[in-house]
Amino acid sequence: MSYTDKSGGQGFQMFESAAAQERFVKDTRRAGGKVVVQGRRSEKGMAKDAPPGTFIAEAIGTEELRRGG
């Protein structure tokens, strides 16, 4: 899951269960944040409705470069 917190900080989070993911979504929204992309794994281990891992890696790398990291 990709999200933005109230102050504009961006993050990526993975969860062991759907219940944990839903708690995080509710808590993030309650705190003024926004869930940008949300996906889940199927029985075959393939992500459904989620961006490719290469996209996430590139986005995180771009953000780190922008911040000077």
C-alpha atoms as a PDB file:
ATOM      1  CA  MET A   1       0.000   0.000   0.000  1.00  0.00           C
ATOM      2  CA  SER A   2       1.228   3.453  -0.858  1.00  0.00           C
ATOM      3  CA  TYR A   3       0.085   6.333   1.331  1.00  0.00           C
ATOM      4  CA  THR A   4       0.637   9.985   2.182  1.00  0.00           C
ATOM      5  CA  ASP A   5       0.427  11.219   5.775  1.00  0.00           C
ATOM      6  CA  LYS A   6      -1.099  14.503   6.948  1.00  0.00           C
ATOM      7  CA  SER A   7       2.207  16.382   6.603  1.00  0.00           C
ATOM      8  CA  GLY A   8       2.701  15.159   3.012  1.00  0.00           C
ATOM      9  CA  GLY A   9       5.227  12.423   3.839  1.00  0.00           C
ATOM     10  CA  GLN A  10       4.945   9.419   1.563  1.00  0.00           C
ATOM     11  CA  GLY A  11       5.328   5.779   2.482  1.00  0.00           C
ATOM     12  CA  PHE A  12       4.840   2.189   1.409  1.00  0.00           C
ATOM     13  CA  GLN A  13       3.569  -0.529   3.727  1.00  0.00           C
ATOM     14  CA  MET A  14       2.887  -4.277   3.428  1.00  0.00           C
ATOM     15  CA  PHE A  15       0.705  -6.296   5.797  1.00  0.00           C
ATOM     16  CA  GLU A  16       0.419  -9.892   6.956  1.00  0.00           C
ATOM     17  CA  SER A  17      -3.386  -9.816   6.970  1.00  0.00           C
ATOM     18  CA  ALA A  18      -6.294  -7.987   5.395  1.00  0.00           C
ATOM     19  CA  ALA A  19      -7.487  -6.994   8.881  1.00  0.00           C
ATOM     20  CA  ALA A  20      -4.165  -5.295   9.654  1.00  0.00           C
ATOM     21  CA  GLN A  21      -4.304  -3.482   6.315  1.00  0.00           C
ATOM     22  CA  GLU A  22      -7.846  -2.237   6.938  1.00  0.00           C
ATOM     23  CA  ARG A  23      -6.879  -0.977  10.418  1.00  0.00           C
ATOM     24  CA  PHE A  24      -3.978   0.932   8.880  1.00  0.00           C
ATOM     25  CA  VAL A  25      -6.251   2.443   6.209  1.00  0.00           C
ATOM     26  CA  LYS A  26      -8.778   3.599   8.822  1.00  0.00           C
ATOM     27  CA  ASP A  27      -6.069   4.985  11.118  1.00  0.00           C
ATOM     28  CA  THR A  28      -4.312   6.773   8.241  1.00  0.00           C
ATOM     29  CA  ARG A  29      -7.512   8.421   7.045  1.00  0.00           C
ATOM     30  CA  ARG A  30      -8.585   9.306  10.587  1.00  0.00           C
ATOM     31  CA  ALA A  31      -5.221  11.038  11.093  1.00  0.00           C
ATOM     32  CA  GLY A  32      -5.704  13.124   7.923  1.00  0.00           C
ATOM     33  CA  GLY A  33      -3.626  10.975   5.575  1.00  0.00           C
ATOM     34  CA  LYS A  34      -4.534   9.489   2.214  1.00  0.00           C
ATOM     35  CA  VAL A  35      -4.197   5.962   0.827  1.00  0.00           C
ATOM     36  CA  VAL A  36      -2.857   6.363  -2.708  1.00  0.00           C
ATOM     37  CA  VAL A  37      -2.646   2.760  -3.964  1.00  0.00           C
ATOM     38  CA  GLN A  38      -3.951  -0.358  -2.287  1.00  0.00           C
ATOM     39  CA  GLY A  39      -3.536  -3.954  -3.495  1.00  0.00           C
ATOM     40  CA  ARG A  40      -3.578  -7.521  -2.279  1.00  0.00           C
ATOM     41  CA  ARG A  41      -2.034 -10.861  -3.122  1.00  0.00           C
ATOM     42  CA  SER A  42      -3.989 -13.654  -4.719  1.00  0.00           C
ATOM     43  CA  GLU A  43      -3.733 -17.332  -3.834  1.00  0.00           C
ATOM     44  CA  LYS A  44      -0.968 -17.715  -6.414  1.00  0.00           C
ATOM     45  CA  GLY A  45       1.107 -15.003  -4.751  1.00  0.00           C
ATOM     46  CA  MET A  46       0.590 -12.460  -7.499  1.00  0.00           C
ATOM     47  CA  ALA A  47      -0.382  -8.940  -6.509  1.00  0.00           C
ATOM     48  CA  LYS A  48      -3.826  -7.826  -7.657  1.00  0.00           C
ATOM     49  CA  ASP A  49      -4.765  -4.183  -8.238  1.00  0.00           C
ATOM     50  CA  ALA A  50      -1.307  -3.015  -7.211  1.00  0.00           C
ATOM     51  CA  PRO A  51       1.441  -1.252  -9.146  1.00  0.00           C
ATOM     52  CA  PRO A  52       4.447  -3.342 -10.227  1.00  0.00           C
ATOM     53  CA  GLY A  53       7.295  -3.576  -7.743  1.00  0.00           C
ATOM     54  CA  THR A  54       9.645  -1.922 -10.222  1.00  0.00           C
ATOM     55  CA  PHE A  55       7.387   1.133 -10.294  1.00  0.00           C
ATOM     56  CA  ILE A  56       7.385   1.335  -6.488  1.00  0.00           C
ATOM     57  CA  ALA A  57      11.170   0.964  -6.359  1.00  0.00           C
ATOM     58  CA  GLU A  58      11.585   3.702  -8.970  1.00  0.00           C
ATOM     59  CA  ALA A  59       9.138   6.013  -7.162  1.00  0.00           C
ATOM     60  CA  ILE A  60      10.920   5.519  -3.836  1.00  0.00           C
ATOM     61  CA  GLY A  61      14.303   6.072  -5.486  1.00  0.00           C
ATOM     62  CA  THR A  62      13.076   9.240  -7.184  1.00  0.00           C
ATOM     63  CA  GLU A  63      11.759  10.581  -3.881  1.00  0.00           C
ATOM     64  CA  GLU A  64      15.064   9.826  -2.146  1.00  0.00           C
ATOM     65  CA  LEU A  65      16.978  11.632  -4.889  1.00  0.00           C
ATOM     66  CA  ARG A  66      14.613  14.611  -4.612  1.00  0.00           C
ATOM     67  CA  ARG A  67      15.279  14.769  -0.892  1.00  0.00           C
ATOM     68  CA  GLY A  68      19.020  14.580  -1.479  1.00  0.00           C
ATOM     69  CA  GLY A  69      19.447  11.026  -0.140  1.00  0.00           C
END
